[in-house]
Amino acid sequence: MPMRTNCRHYESRSYSNGDTVRKCNLDLAPEAPWRCPDDCPKYTPRRLDAGWQHGSLGVQNFASEPDSIGTDESIGDLLDAAEEIVNAIASDVLAEVEAEKHKKARRLPRLSKKARAKNRKKKKKR
């Protein structure tokens, strides 16, 4: 079954660089962004869209499904494998970012000219 765009758990987001993310917020669609499970236990029709602006296409019941998608489990397996790869390096990337933050935080702040002059006078008095 194609992605149910009228489900309250379906999310589509476009970024300024042109990328678009289409997903199930509950991560129940193993073949997202192409397919929802036929008998999804959490499917709930979207009731209200107060405050949201819809484009010319509006909210449709189903997203279009590419013709190249097969009917076997290989798509879900491929997406699961890709997710495992990303999850495997995520902790390393976060550790690198945290190390960089701590490295920058350890640097002493630059002193003004007056403060440097005071420090020189104090050193001379010793």
Protein backbone atom coordinates (compact mmCIF):
# COMPACT_ATOMS: atom_id res chain seq x y z
CA MET A 1 0.00 0.00 0.00
CA PRO A 2 1.41 3.47 -0.84
CA MET A 3 2.23 5.89 2.00
CA ARG A 4 -0.97 7.17 3.59
CA THR A 5 -0.45 10.92 3.54
CA ASN A 6 -3.74 11.43 5.36
CA CYS A 7 -2.48 9.53 8.44
CA ARG A 8 -1.76 11.70 11.44
CA HIS A 9 1.63 9.99 11.88
CA TYR A 10 2.80 10.80 8.33
CA GLU A 11 5.23 13.71 8.04
CA SER A 12 6.65 15.44 5.01
CA ARG A 13 9.26 18.16 5.32
CA SER A 14 11.10 20.11 2.62
CA TYR A 15 14.43 21.82 3.16
CA SER A 16 15.91 24.91 1.51
CA ASN A 17 18.44 22.81 -0.44
CA GLY A 18 15.59 20.96 -2.18
CA ASP A 19 15.69 17.75 -0.14
CA THR A 20 12.38 16.35 1.06
CA VAL A 21 11.83 13.91 3.91
CA ARG A 22 8.71 11.73 3.96
CA LYS A 23 8.31 9.41 6.92
CA CYS A 24 6.14 7.73 9.50
CA ASN A 25 6.81 9.41 12.86
CA LEU A 26 6.25 6.09 14.64
CA ASP A 27 8.77 4.32 12.35
CA LEU A 28 6.18 1.67 11.49
CA ALA A 29 6.64 1.93 7.71
CA PRO A 30 9.70 -0.20 6.92
CA GLU A 31 9.54 0.79 3.25
CA ALA A 32 9.02 4.52 3.84
CA PRO A 33 8.84 6.82 1.90
CA TRP A 34 7.22 4.45 -0.57
CA ARG A 35 4.90 2.16 1.35
CA CYS A 36 2.94 1.79 4.57
CA PRO A 37 2.12 -1.67 5.91
CA ASP A 38 -1.22 -2.89 4.54
CA ASP A 39 -2.63 -3.49 8.01
CA CYS A 40 -0.86 -0.77 10.03
CA PRO A 41 -2.11 -1.00 13.63
CA LYS A 42 -1.55 2.72 14.30
CA TYR A 43 -3.19 4.18 11.19
CA THR A 44 -5.32 7.13 12.29
CA PRO A 45 -6.85 9.56 9.79
CA ARG A 46 -5.73 13.14 10.20
CA ARG A 47 -8.60 15.10 11.73
CA LEU A 48 -7.60 18.75 11.95
CA ASP A 49 -4.94 20.75 10.19
CA ALA A 50 -5.50 24.03 11.98
CA GLY A 51 -2.85 26.57 11.17
CA TRP A 52 -1.15 24.57 8.43
CA GLN A 53 -0.86 25.85 4.90
CA HIS A 54 -1.26 23.28 2.14
CA GLY A 55 0.16 23.73 -1.32
CA SER A 56 -1.75 23.33 -4.57
CA LEU A 57 -1.65 19.55 -4.21
CA GLY A 58 -3.23 19.60 -0.75
CA VAL A 59 -3.45 16.51 1.42
CA GLN A 60 -4.11 13.42 -0.63
CA ASN A 61 -5.00 10.01 0.66
CA PHE A 62 -1.92 8.32 -0.80
CA ALA A 63 1.54 9.31 -2.01
CA SER A 64 2.52 8.21 -5.50
CA GLU A 65 4.51 5.01 -5.57
CA PRO A 66 7.39 4.58 -8.07
CA ASP A 67 6.98 1.81 -10.65
CA SER A 68 10.44 0.44 -9.88
CA ILE A 69 9.46 -0.89 -6.45
CA GLY A 70 9.18 -4.64 -6.19
CA THR A 71 6.87 -6.65 -4.01
CA ASP A 72 9.50 -8.52 -2.00
CA GLU A 73 11.07 -7.67 1.36
CA SER A 74 14.36 -6.45 -0.18
CA ILE A 75 13.47 -2.75 0.07
CA GLY A 76 12.79 -2.93 3.78
CA ASP A 77 15.95 -4.96 4.32
CA LEU A 78 18.02 -2.41 2.36
CA LEU A 79 16.60 0.52 4.33
CA ASP A 80 17.16 -1.34 7.62
CA ALA A 81 20.78 -2.00 6.65
CA ALA A 82 21.29 1.69 5.79
CA GLU A 83 19.76 2.71 9.12
CA GLU A 84 22.12 0.34 10.97
CA ILE A 85 25.13 1.90 9.23
CA VAL A 86 24.03 5.41 10.21
CA ASN A 87 23.28 4.33 13.79
CA ALA A 88 26.67 2.61 14.06
CA ILE A 89 28.61 5.81 13.36
CA ALA A 90 26.21 8.21 15.10
CA SER A 91 27.84 7.77 18.52
CA ASP A 92 31.32 8.37 17.05
CA VAL A 93 30.17 11.54 15.30
CA LEU A 94 28.51 12.84 18.48
CA ALA A 95 31.67 12.09 20.46
CA GLU A 96 33.76 14.05 17.95
CA VAL A 97 31.41 17.02 18.13
CA GLU A 98 31.45 16.98 21.95
CA ALA A 99 35.27 16.74 21.99
CA GLU A 100 35.48 19.74 19.66
CA LYS A 101 33.13 21.73 21.91
CA HIS A 102 35.22 20.92 25.01
CA LYS A 103 38.42 21.77 23.16
CA LYS A 104 37.07 25.21 22.28
CA ALA A 105 35.73 25.74 25.81
CA ARG A 106 39.18 25.13 27.36
CA ARG A 107 40.76 28.06 25.57
CA LEU A 108 41.31 31.09 27.74
CA PRO A 109 39.42 34.20 26.75
CA ARG A 110 41.45 36.93 25.11
CA LEU A 111 42.33 39.73 27.51
CA SER A 112 41.86 43.39 26.70
CA LYS A 113 44.85 45.73 26.44
CA LYS A 114 44.14 47.14 29.90
CA ALA A 115 43.98 43.69 31.47
CA ARG A 116 47.26 42.65 29.81
CA ALA A 117 48.92 45.85 31.04
CA LYS A 118 47.73 45.14 34.61
CA ASN A 119 49.11 41.61 34.44
CA ARG A 120 52.51 42.93 33.28
CA LYS A 121 52.63 45.42 36.17
CA LYS A 122 51.80 42.67 38.66
CA LYS A 123 54.59 40.48 37.27
CA LYS A 124 57.10 43.31 37.50
CA LYS A 125 56.25 43.97 41.17
CA ARG A 126 57.01 40.37 42.11
